[in-house]
Amino acid sequence: AMTLEGNLTGRILKDVQVPVDFTNLTYDNTDLLLSTHFNEGSGAIVGDSSGKSNHGTFLQAAAWEFGKESNALKFDGQNDCVKIPASPSLKLEDRVSILLWFKWDGGNDRQALISRSEECASEGSYNLYVEGGKLQLSYGVQGSLKTVWQLSNTLDQNQWKHVGVTLRYSTGEVMA
């Protein structure tokens, strides 16, 4: 919350600078289901810092390298992935928000960034992926996956990109 003091009646504020103190920030992960930073730097375990212990393991051999700010995983776009086991804490109600940094190396094939699926059902599934240079989101509805959002611009190759997207299952609404 921010408070501005003084008499502002009838005035339009322009170019206002407000000092903000970031020294006592707290990290509230009450509703956080999963938080992986991919910054371990070695090994085959990806830790979950949400407090829910949803740690992942490599199914194929991804490579550790320097990423945006520290260690990162490099996937070859073919068969590398990190699997996070099913858990009651990962059961979604009506919406999911995804935030991530990624660097796309190019190619026209579908390359998944985040994928979630329910065994033997498309309901509750979602995929955030790059295909043909376009970032896209699909989710499971009425027995099939439906693409509900696509970034209008083609991604730049070998450039770090930050994306945040929220999907509401009941309506298919996407906020990006």
N, C-alpha and C. Protein backbone atom coordinates (compact mmCIF):
# COMPACT_ATOMS: atom_id res chain seq x y z
N ALA A 1 0.85 -1.18 0.00
CA ALA A 1 0.00 0.00 0.00
C ALA A 1 0.88 1.22 0.00
N MET A 2 0.38 2.26 -0.64
CA MET A 2 1.15 3.50 -0.76
C MET A 2 0.26 4.65 -0.31
N THR A 3 0.78 5.55 0.48
CA THR A 3 0.03 6.71 0.94
C THR A 3 0.73 7.98 0.49
N LEU A 4 -0.04 8.86 -0.16
CA LEU A 4 0.48 10.18 -0.53
C LEU A 4 -0.15 11.19 0.40
N GLU A 5 0.64 12.05 0.96
CA GLU A 5 0.11 13.04 1.89
C GLU A 5 0.09 14.41 1.24
N GLY A 6 -0.84 15.26 1.70
CA GLY A 6 -0.92 16.62 1.19
C GLY A 6 -2.28 16.86 0.55
N ASN A 7 -2.53 18.09 0.17
CA ASN A 7 -3.79 18.48 -0.45
C ASN A 7 -3.65 18.33 -1.96
N LEU A 8 -4.31 17.34 -2.54
CA LEU A 8 -4.22 17.08 -3.96
C LEU A 8 -5.51 17.42 -4.69
N THR A 9 -6.43 18.10 -4.04
CA THR A 9 -7.73 18.42 -4.62
C THR A 9 -7.57 19.23 -5.90
N GLY A 10 -8.17 18.74 -6.97
CA GLY A 10 -8.18 19.46 -8.24
C GLY A 10 -6.86 19.44 -8.99
N ARG A 11 -5.91 18.64 -8.58
CA ARG A 11 -4.61 18.59 -9.26
C ARG A 11 -4.39 17.22 -9.88
N ILE A 12 -3.74 17.22 -10.99
CA ILE A 12 -3.36 15.97 -11.65
C ILE A 12 -1.91 15.69 -11.31
N LEU A 13 -1.65 14.49 -10.83
CA LEU A 13 -0.28 14.12 -10.49
C LEU A 13 0.44 13.64 -11.74
N LYS A 14 1.63 14.16 -11.98
CA LYS A 14 2.46 13.72 -13.10
C LYS A 14 3.87 13.52 -12.58
N ASP A 15 4.51 12.49 -13.06
CA ASP A 15 5.90 12.23 -12.71
C ASP A 15 6.15 12.27 -11.21
N VAL A 16 5.30 11.58 -10.45
CA VAL A 16 5.43 11.55 -9.00
C VAL A 16 6.47 10.51 -8.62
N GLN A 17 7.36 10.87 -7.74
CA GLN A 17 8.34 9.94 -7.22
C GLN A 17 8.03 9.70 -5.76
N VAL A 18 7.88 8.43 -5.41
CA VAL A 18 7.55 8.06 -4.04
C VAL A 18 8.63 7.14 -3.53
N PRO A 19 9.28 7.50 -2.40
CA PRO A 19 10.30 6.61 -1.85
C PRO A 19 9.63 5.34 -1.30
N VAL A 20 10.22 4.20 -1.59
CA VAL A 20 9.71 2.92 -1.11
C VAL A 20 10.84 2.19 -0.41
N ASP A 21 10.56 1.67 0.77
CA ASP A 21 11.55 0.95 1.57
C ASP A 21 11.37 -0.56 1.34
N PHE A 22 12.35 -1.21 0.72
CA PHE A 22 12.29 -2.63 0.43
C PHE A 22 13.08 -3.47 1.44
N THR A 23 13.51 -2.89 2.53
CA THR A 23 14.38 -3.62 3.46
C THR A 23 13.64 -4.65 4.30
N ASN A 24 12.33 -4.49 4.52
CA ASN A 24 11.60 -5.42 5.38
C ASN A 24 10.52 -6.19 4.62
N LEU A 25 10.78 -6.55 3.39
CA LEU A 25 9.81 -7.31 2.62
C LEU A 25 9.71 -8.74 3.14
N THR A 26 8.52 -9.30 3.10
CA THR A 26 8.34 -10.70 3.47
C THR A 26 7.82 -11.46 2.26
N TYR A 27 8.18 -12.71 2.18
CA TYR A 27 7.80 -13.58 1.08
C TYR A 27 6.66 -14.47 1.57
N ASP A 28 5.45 -14.22 1.07
CA ASP A 28 4.29 -14.98 1.49
C ASP A 28 4.02 -16.07 0.46
N ASN A 29 4.30 -17.31 0.82
CA ASN A 29 4.08 -18.41 -0.12
C ASN A 29 2.88 -19.27 0.29
N THR A 30 1.93 -18.68 1.00
CA THR A 30 0.77 -19.41 1.49
C THR A 30 0.05 -20.15 0.36
N ASP A 31 -0.21 -19.49 -0.76
CA ASP A 31 -0.94 -20.09 -1.87
C ASP A 31 -0.03 -20.62 -2.96
N LEU A 32 1.26 -20.58 -2.75
CA LEU A 32 2.21 -21.07 -3.74
C LEU A 32 2.24 -22.59 -3.73
N LEU A 33 2.01 -23.20 -4.89
CA LEU A 33 1.98 -24.66 -4.98
C LEU A 33 3.34 -25.25 -5.33
N LEU A 34 4.11 -24.52 -6.12
CA LEU A 34 5.39 -25.04 -6.61
C LEU A 34 6.28 -23.86 -6.97
N SER A 35 7.54 -23.92 -6.55
CA SER A 35 8.49 -22.89 -6.91
C SER A 35 9.85 -23.54 -7.13
N THR A 36 10.21 -23.70 -8.38
CA THR A 36 11.51 -24.28 -8.73
C THR A 36 12.34 -23.20 -9.40
N HIS A 37 13.57 -23.07 -8.97
CA HIS A 37 14.44 -22.03 -9.52
C HIS A 37 15.47 -22.61 -10.50
N PHE A 38 15.58 -23.92 -10.57
CA PHE A 38 16.53 -24.58 -11.46
C PHE A 38 17.93 -24.03 -11.28
N ASN A 39 18.32 -23.75 -10.05
CA ASN A 39 19.62 -23.14 -9.80
C ASN A 39 20.56 -24.02 -8.98
N GLU A 40 20.27 -25.31 -8.89
CA GLU A 40 21.09 -26.20 -8.09
C GLU A 40 22.51 -26.30 -8.63
N GLY A 41 22.67 -26.33 -9.96
CA GLY A 41 23.99 -26.35 -10.57
C GLY A 41 24.58 -27.72 -10.81
N SER A 42 24.06 -28.75 -10.16
CA SER A 42 24.55 -30.11 -10.37
C SER A 42 23.50 -31.08 -9.84
N GLY A 43 23.68 -32.35 -10.21
CA GLY A 43 22.76 -33.38 -9.75
C GLY A 43 21.54 -33.52 -10.63
N ALA A 44 20.64 -34.41 -10.24
CA ALA A 44 19.45 -34.71 -11.03
C ALA A 44 18.16 -34.38 -10.29
N ILE A 45 18.25 -33.57 -9.23
CA ILE A 45 17.09 -33.17 -8.45
C ILE A 45 16.88 -31.67 -8.61
N VAL A 46 15.63 -31.28 -8.84
CA VAL A 46 15.25 -29.87 -8.89
C VAL A 46 14.41 -29.61 -7.65
N GLY A 47 14.89 -28.74 -6.79
CA GLY A 47 14.22 -28.49 -5.52
C GLY A 47 13.04 -27.56 -5.63
N ASP A 48 12.05 -27.79 -4.78
CA ASP A 48 10.86 -26.95 -4.67
C ASP A 48 11.00 -26.09 -3.42
N SER A 49 10.97 -24.78 -3.59
CA SER A 49 11.13 -23.88 -2.44
C SER A 49 9.79 -23.33 -1.95
N SER A 50 8.67 -23.94 -2.38
CA SER A 50 7.35 -23.48 -1.94
C SER A 50 7.03 -23.92 -0.52
N GLY A 51 7.79 -24.88 0.00
CA GLY A 51 7.48 -25.45 1.29
C GLY A 51 6.58 -26.67 1.20
N LYS A 52 6.19 -27.05 -0.02
CA LYS A 52 5.30 -28.20 -0.22
C LYS A 52 6.04 -29.48 -0.61
N SER A 53 7.37 -29.40 -0.77
CA SER A 53 8.23 -30.56 -1.09
C SER A 53 7.87 -31.26 -2.40
N ASN A 54 7.50 -30.50 -3.41
CA ASN A 54 7.21 -31.06 -4.74
C ASN A 54 8.48 -31.02 -5.59
N HIS A 55 9.50 -31.75 -5.17
CA HIS A 55 10.78 -31.77 -5.85
C HIS A 55 10.68 -32.58 -7.14
N GLY A 56 11.45 -32.18 -8.13
CA GLY A 56 11.43 -32.88 -9.42
C GLY A 56 12.73 -33.60 -9.69
N THR A 57 12.68 -34.55 -10.63
CA THR A 57 13.87 -35.28 -11.07
C THR A 57 13.92 -35.28 -12.59
N PHE A 58 15.15 -35.37 -13.11
CA PHE A 58 15.34 -35.43 -14.56
C PHE A 58 14.88 -36.78 -15.09
N LEU A 59 14.13 -36.76 -16.19
CA LEU A 59 13.80 -38.01 -16.87
C LEU A 59 14.81 -38.28 -17.97
N GLN A 60 15.35 -37.26 -18.54
CA GLN A 60 16.42 -37.35 -19.53
C GLN A 60 17.51 -36.39 -19.07
N ALA A 61 18.65 -36.47 -19.69
CA ALA A 61 19.80 -35.70 -19.22
C ALA A 61 19.79 -34.26 -19.75
N ALA A 62 19.31 -33.35 -18.95
CA ALA A 62 19.45 -31.93 -19.26
C ALA A 62 20.83 -31.50 -18.78
N ALA A 63 21.31 -30.38 -19.27
CA ALA A 63 22.65 -29.92 -18.91
C ALA A 63 22.57 -28.67 -18.04
N TRP A 64 23.42 -28.60 -17.02
CA TRP A 64 23.52 -27.40 -16.20
C TRP A 64 24.41 -26.39 -16.92
N GLU A 65 24.00 -25.12 -16.90
CA GLU A 65 24.82 -24.05 -17.46
C GLU A 65 24.48 -22.75 -16.74
N PHE A 66 25.21 -21.68 -17.08
CA PHE A 66 24.90 -20.38 -16.49
C PHE A 66 23.67 -19.84 -17.18
N GLY A 67 22.68 -19.35 -16.41
CA GLY A 67 21.42 -18.86 -16.96
C GLY A 67 21.30 -17.36 -16.88
N LYS A 68 20.09 -16.90 -16.64
CA LYS A 68 19.81 -15.46 -16.59
C LYS A 68 20.60 -14.78 -15.48
N GLU A 69 20.61 -15.37 -14.28
CA GLU A 69 21.30 -14.76 -13.16
C GLU A 69 22.24 -15.69 -12.43
N SER A 70 21.98 -16.99 -12.52
CA SER A 70 22.85 -17.97 -11.87
C SER A 70 22.73 -19.28 -12.66
N ASN A 71 22.74 -20.41 -11.98
CA ASN A 71 22.65 -21.69 -12.67
C ASN A 71 21.28 -21.85 -13.33
N ALA A 72 21.25 -22.66 -14.39
CA ALA A 72 20.02 -22.93 -15.13
C ALA A 72 20.13 -24.29 -15.78
N LEU A 73 19.00 -24.82 -16.20
CA LEU A 73 18.98 -26.07 -16.95
C LEU A 73 18.82 -25.78 -18.43
N LYS A 74 19.59 -26.47 -19.25
CA LYS A 74 19.45 -26.36 -20.71
C LYS A 74 18.86 -27.67 -21.21
N PHE A 75 17.70 -27.56 -21.87
CA PHE A 75 17.03 -28.71 -22.44
C PHE A 75 17.27 -28.73 -23.94
N ASP A 76 17.44 -29.92 -24.53
CA ASP A 76 17.76 -30.00 -25.96
C ASP A 76 16.54 -29.89 -26.87
N GLY A 77 15.34 -29.79 -26.30
CA GLY A 77 14.14 -29.65 -27.11
C GLY A 77 13.64 -30.96 -27.69
N GLN A 78 14.28 -32.05 -27.36
CA GLN A 78 13.89 -33.35 -27.90
C GLN A 78 13.18 -34.20 -26.87
N ASN A 79 13.88 -34.52 -25.79
CA ASN A 79 13.30 -35.43 -24.82
C ASN A 79 13.68 -35.13 -23.38
N ASP A 80 14.38 -34.05 -23.14
CA ASP A 80 14.76 -33.69 -21.78
C ASP A 80 13.55 -33.14 -21.03
N CYS A 81 13.42 -33.49 -19.78
CA CYS A 81 12.35 -32.90 -18.98
C CYS A 81 12.62 -33.17 -17.50
N VAL A 82 11.93 -32.42 -16.67
CA VAL A 82 11.94 -32.63 -15.23
C VAL A 82 10.53 -33.06 -14.86
N LYS A 83 10.41 -34.18 -14.17
CA LYS A 83 9.10 -34.68 -13.75
C LYS A 83 8.90 -34.39 -12.28
N ILE A 84 7.75 -33.82 -11.98
CA ILE A 84 7.36 -33.56 -10.61
C ILE A 84 6.19 -34.50 -10.31
N PRO A 85 6.35 -35.41 -9.36
CA PRO A 85 5.31 -36.41 -9.09
C PRO A 85 3.97 -35.78 -8.71
N ALA A 86 2.90 -36.50 -8.98
CA ALA A 86 1.56 -36.06 -8.58
C ALA A 86 1.53 -35.91 -7.06
N SER A 87 0.80 -34.91 -6.62
CA SER A 87 0.71 -34.62 -5.20
C SER A 87 -0.62 -33.92 -4.93
N PRO A 88 -1.28 -34.22 -3.82
CA PRO A 88 -2.51 -33.51 -3.48
C PRO A 88 -2.31 -31.99 -3.42
N SER A 89 -1.11 -31.55 -3.07
CA SER A 89 -0.86 -30.11 -2.98
C SER A 89 -0.82 -29.45 -4.35
N LEU A 90 -0.69 -30.24 -5.41
CA LEU A 90 -0.65 -29.68 -6.76
C LEU A 90 -2.02 -29.71 -7.45
N LYS A 91 -3.03 -30.19 -6.78
CA LYS A 91 -4.38 -30.23 -7.35
C LYS A 91 -4.90 -28.81 -7.47
N LEU A 92 -5.21 -28.41 -8.68
CA LEU A 92 -5.66 -27.05 -8.95
C LEU A 92 -7.17 -26.95 -8.84
N GLU A 93 -7.63 -25.83 -8.37
CA GLU A 93 -9.07 -25.60 -8.28
C GLU A 93 -9.58 -25.01 -9.59
N ASP A 94 -9.46 -23.70 -9.76
CA ASP A 94 -10.01 -23.07 -10.96
C ASP A 94 -8.99 -22.29 -11.76
N ARG A 95 -7.86 -21.99 -11.19
CA ARG A 95 -6.90 -21.19 -11.95
C ARG A 95 -5.47 -21.58 -11.61
N VAL A 96 -4.60 -21.27 -12.56
CA VAL A 96 -3.17 -21.49 -12.37
C VAL A 96 -2.44 -20.27 -12.92
N SER A 97 -1.42 -19.83 -12.20
CA SER A 97 -0.54 -18.76 -12.68
C SER A 97 0.85 -19.34 -12.86
N ILE A 98 1.46 -19.01 -13.98
CA ILE A 98 2.80 -19.50 -14.30
C ILE A 98 3.69 -18.29 -14.55
N LEU A 99 4.84 -18.27 -13.89
CA LEU A 99 5.85 -17.25 -14.10
C LEU A 99 7.16 -17.95 -14.38
N LEU A 100 7.85 -17.55 -15.43
CA LEU A 100 9.14 -18.17 -15.71
C LEU A 100 9.99 -17.31 -16.63
N TRP A 101 11.28 -17.56 -16.53
CA TRP A 101 12.26 -17.04 -17.47
C TRP A 101 12.65 -18.19 -18.40
N PHE A 102 12.81 -17.90 -19.67
CA PHE A 102 13.29 -18.92 -20.60
C PHE A 102 14.04 -18.26 -21.75
N LYS A 103 14.87 -19.06 -22.40
CA LYS A 103 15.60 -18.60 -23.59
C LYS A 103 15.36 -19.64 -24.67
N TRP A 104 14.80 -19.20 -25.77
CA TRP A 104 14.44 -20.08 -26.87
C TRP A 104 15.57 -20.07 -27.91
N ASP A 105 16.05 -21.27 -28.28
CA ASP A 105 17.16 -21.38 -29.23
C ASP A 105 16.71 -21.47 -30.68
N GLY A 106 15.41 -21.50 -30.93
CA GLY A 106 14.90 -21.56 -32.30
C GLY A 106 14.29 -22.91 -32.62
N GLY A 107 13.80 -23.03 -33.84
CA GLY A 107 13.18 -24.27 -34.30
C GLY A 107 11.69 -24.11 -34.47
N ASN A 108 11.11 -24.94 -35.32
CA ASN A 108 9.68 -24.87 -35.60
C ASN A 108 8.85 -25.89 -34.84
N ASP A 109 9.50 -26.93 -34.30
CA ASP A 109 8.77 -27.96 -33.58
C ASP A 109 8.23 -27.41 -32.27
N ARG A 110 7.20 -28.07 -31.74
CA ARG A 110 6.64 -27.69 -30.44
C ARG A 110 7.65 -28.03 -29.35
N GLN A 111 7.96 -27.03 -28.53
CA GLN A 111 8.90 -27.20 -27.43
C GLN A 111 8.20 -26.76 -26.14
N ALA A 112 7.88 -27.72 -25.30
CA ALA A 112 7.14 -27.44 -24.07
C ALA A 112 8.02 -26.72 -23.06
N LEU A 113 7.45 -25.72 -22.41
CA LEU A 113 8.12 -25.04 -21.31
C LEU A 113 7.57 -25.58 -19.99
N ILE A 114 6.26 -25.65 -19.88
CA ILE A 114 5.56 -26.20 -18.72
C ILE A 114 4.42 -27.05 -19.25
N SER A 115 4.28 -28.22 -18.70
CA SER A 115 3.20 -29.10 -19.13
C SER A 115 2.67 -29.84 -17.91
N ARG A 116 1.36 -29.87 -17.78
CA ARG A 116 0.72 -30.61 -16.69
C ARG A 116 -0.38 -31.46 -17.29
N SER A 117 -0.46 -32.69 -16.86
CA SER A 117 -1.53 -33.54 -17.39
C SER A 117 -2.09 -34.42 -16.29
N GLU A 118 -3.36 -34.72 -16.44
CA GLU A 118 -4.04 -35.69 -15.60
C GLU A 118 -3.98 -37.01 -16.33
N GLU A 119 -3.69 -38.07 -15.62
CA GLU A 119 -3.60 -39.38 -16.26
C GLU A 119 -4.94 -39.76 -16.86
N CYS A 120 -4.92 -40.12 -18.15
CA CYS A 120 -6.10 -40.59 -18.89
C CYS A 120 -7.18 -39.53 -19.05
N ALA A 121 -6.86 -38.25 -18.94
CA ALA A 121 -7.87 -37.21 -19.11
C ALA A 121 -7.21 -35.91 -19.53
N SER A 122 -7.88 -35.14 -20.38
CA SER A 122 -7.33 -33.84 -20.76
C SER A 122 -7.81 -32.74 -19.81
N GLU A 123 -8.97 -32.95 -19.11
CA GLU A 123 -9.46 -31.95 -18.18
C GLU A 123 -8.39 -31.70 -17.12
N GLY A 124 -8.12 -30.43 -16.84
CA GLY A 124 -7.11 -30.08 -15.84
C GLY A 124 -5.69 -30.05 -16.39
N SER A 125 -5.53 -30.35 -17.68
CA SER A 125 -4.21 -30.31 -18.30
C SER A 125 -3.94 -28.93 -18.86
N TYR A 126 -2.70 -28.53 -18.90
CA TYR A 126 -2.33 -27.30 -19.60
C TYR A 126 -0.91 -27.43 -20.10
N ASN A 127 -0.60 -26.66 -21.14
CA ASN A 127 0.72 -26.65 -21.76
C ASN A 127 1.08 -25.23 -22.14
N LEU A 128 2.23 -24.77 -21.70
CA LEU A 128 2.80 -23.52 -22.15
C LEU A 128 4.00 -23.92 -23.00
N TYR A 129 3.99 -23.53 -24.27
CA TYR A 129 4.99 -24.04 -25.20
C TYR A 129 5.33 -23.01 -26.28
N VAL A 130 6.42 -23.27 -27.00
CA VAL A 130 6.80 -22.48 -28.16
C VAL A 130 6.65 -23.37 -29.38
N GLU A 131 5.99 -22.84 -30.40
CA GLU A 131 5.86 -23.56 -31.66
C GLU A 131 5.95 -22.54 -32.79
N GLY A 132 6.86 -22.78 -33.71
CA GLY A 132 7.04 -21.84 -34.82
C GLY A 132 7.43 -20.45 -34.37
N GLY A 133 8.12 -20.35 -33.24
CA GLY A 133 8.56 -19.05 -32.74
C GLY A 133 7.50 -18.29 -31.97
N LYS A 134 6.32 -18.89 -31.77
CA LYS A 134 5.22 -18.24 -31.04
C LYS A 134 5.02 -18.92 -29.70
N LEU A 135 4.90 -18.13 -28.66
CA LEU A 135 4.60 -18.64 -27.33
C LEU A 135 3.10 -18.87 -27.26
N GLN A 136 2.66 -20.06 -26.83
CA GLN A 136 1.25 -20.42 -26.83
C GLN A 136 0.87 -21.14 -25.54
N LEU A 137 -0.42 -21.09 -25.21
CA LEU A 137 -0.95 -21.78 -24.05
C LEU A 137 -2.18 -22.56 -24.48
N SER A 138 -2.22 -23.84 -24.10
CA SER A 138 -3.41 -24.65 -24.36
C SER A 138 -3.84 -25.30 -23.05
N TYR A 139 -5.13 -25.66 -22.99
CA TYR A 139 -5.60 -26.37 -21.80
C TYR A 139 -6.68 -27.36 -22.18
N GLY A 140 -6.88 -28.33 -21.30
CA GLY A 140 -7.83 -29.41 -21.56
C GLY A 140 -9.25 -28.99 -21.26
N VAL A 141 -10.11 -29.14 -22.26
CA VAL A 141 -11.52 -28.82 -22.09
C VAL A 141 -12.34 -29.77 -22.97
N GLN A 142 -13.36 -30.36 -22.42
CA GLN A 142 -14.27 -31.25 -23.13
C GLN A 142 -13.53 -32.33 -23.93
N GLY A 143 -12.56 -32.96 -23.30
CA GLY A 143 -11.90 -34.10 -23.89
C GLY A 143 -10.76 -33.82 -24.84
N SER A 144 -10.39 -32.55 -25.04
CA SER A 144 -9.26 -32.27 -25.93
C SER A 144 -8.53 -31.01 -25.47
N LEU A 145 -7.31 -30.84 -25.97
CA LEU A 145 -6.54 -29.64 -25.65
C LEU A 145 -6.92 -28.53 -26.63
N LYS A 146 -7.13 -27.35 -26.11
CA LYS A 146 -7.55 -26.20 -26.91
C LYS A 146 -6.56 -25.06 -26.69
N THR A 147 -6.01 -24.51 -27.79
CA THR A 147 -5.11 -23.36 -27.67
C THR A 147 -5.96 -22.13 -27.38
N VAL A 148 -5.65 -21.46 -26.26
CA VAL A 148 -6.46 -20.33 -25.83
C VAL A 148 -5.70 -19.00 -25.85
N TRP A 149 -4.41 -19.06 -26.05
CA TRP A 149 -3.63 -17.82 -26.06
C TRP A 149 -2.38 -18.02 -26.87
N GLN A 150 -1.99 -16.98 -27.60
CA GLN A 150 -0.75 -17.00 -28.37
C GLN A 150 -0.16 -15.60 -28.37
N LEU A 151 1.12 -15.50 -28.10
CA LEU A 151 1.82 -14.23 -28.16
C LEU A 151 1.86 -13.78 -29.61
N SER A 152 1.48 -12.55 -29.89
CA SER A 152 1.37 -12.10 -31.28
C SER A 152 2.74 -11.93 -31.95
N ASN A 153 3.75 -11.58 -31.19
CA ASN A 153 5.08 -11.40 -31.77
C ASN A 153 5.84 -12.71 -31.81
N THR A 154 6.69 -12.86 -32.81
CA THR A 154 7.58 -14.01 -32.87
C THR A 154 8.72 -13.76 -31.88
N LEU A 155 9.09 -14.78 -31.15
CA LEU A 155 10.16 -14.66 -30.16
C LEU A 155 11.51 -14.43 -30.84
N ASP A 156 12.37 -13.67 -30.18
CA ASP A 156 13.74 -13.51 -30.63
C ASP A 156 14.54 -14.71 -30.12
N GLN A 157 15.34 -15.27 -31.00
CA GLN A 157 16.17 -16.41 -30.61
C GLN A 157 17.28 -15.97 -29.69
N ASN A 158 17.64 -16.86 -28.77
CA ASN A 158 18.76 -16.67 -27.84
C ASN A 158 18.66 -15.41 -27.00
N GLN A 159 17.43 -14.98 -26.69
CA GLN A 159 17.19 -13.84 -25.82
C GLN A 159 16.35 -14.31 -24.64
N TRP A 160 16.73 -13.92 -23.43
CA TRP A 160 15.95 -14.28 -22.26
C TRP A 160 14.62 -13.56 -22.31
N LYS A 161 13.56 -14.27 -21.96
CA LYS A 161 12.21 -13.73 -21.97
C LYS A 161 11.54 -14.09 -20.65
N HIS A 162 10.85 -13.14 -20.05
CA HIS A 162 10.07 -13.41 -18.85
C HIS A 162 8.61 -13.41 -19.23
N VAL A 163 7.89 -14.43 -18.77
CA VAL A 163 6.47 -14.52 -19.08
C VAL A 163 5.70 -14.81 -17.81
N GLY A 164 4.54 -14.21 -17.72
CA GLY A 164 3.60 -14.48 -16.63
C GLY A 164 2.22 -14.63 -17.24
N VAL A 165 1.56 -15.73 -16.93
CA VAL A 165 0.24 -15.98 -17.50
C VAL A 165 -0.63 -16.67 -16.45
N THR A 166 -1.90 -16.29 -16.40
CA THR A 166 -2.87 -16.92 -15.51
C THR A 166 -3.99 -17.48 -16.36
N LEU A 167 -4.35 -18.72 -16.12
CA LEU A 167 -5.43 -19.40 -16.84
C LEU A 167 -6.52 -19.74 -15.84
N ARG A 168 -7.76 -19.35 -16.17
CA ARG A 168 -8.93 -19.74 -15.38
C ARG A 168 -9.64 -20.86 -16.13
N TYR A 169 -9.67 -22.05 -15.53
CA TYR A 169 -10.23 -23.23 -16.19
C TYR A 169 -11.71 -23.08 -16.53
N SER A 170 -12.50 -22.55 -15.61
CA SER A 170 -13.94 -22.55 -15.79
C SER A 170 -14.38 -21.73 -16.99
N THR A 171 -13.62 -20.70 -17.34
CA THR A 171 -14.03 -19.82 -18.45
C THR A 171 -13.06 -19.86 -19.64
N GLY A 172 -11.87 -20.39 -19.44
CA GLY A 172 -10.85 -20.35 -20.49
C GLY A 172 -10.20 -18.99 -20.60
N GLU A 173 -10.49 -18.11 -19.66
CA GLU A 173 -9.92 -16.77 -19.67
C GLU A 173 -8.43 -16.82 -19.38
N VAL A 174 -7.67 -16.03 -20.14
CA VAL A 174 -6.22 -15.96 -19.97
C VAL A 174 -5.83 -14.53 -19.70
N MET A 175 -5.02 -14.32 -18.68
CA MET A 175 -4.46 -13.00 -18.38
C MET A 175 -2.96 -13.10 -18.53
N ALA A 176 -2.39 -12.33 -19.41
CA ALA A 176 -0.96 -12.41 -19.67
C ALA A 176 -0.33 -11.03 -19.57
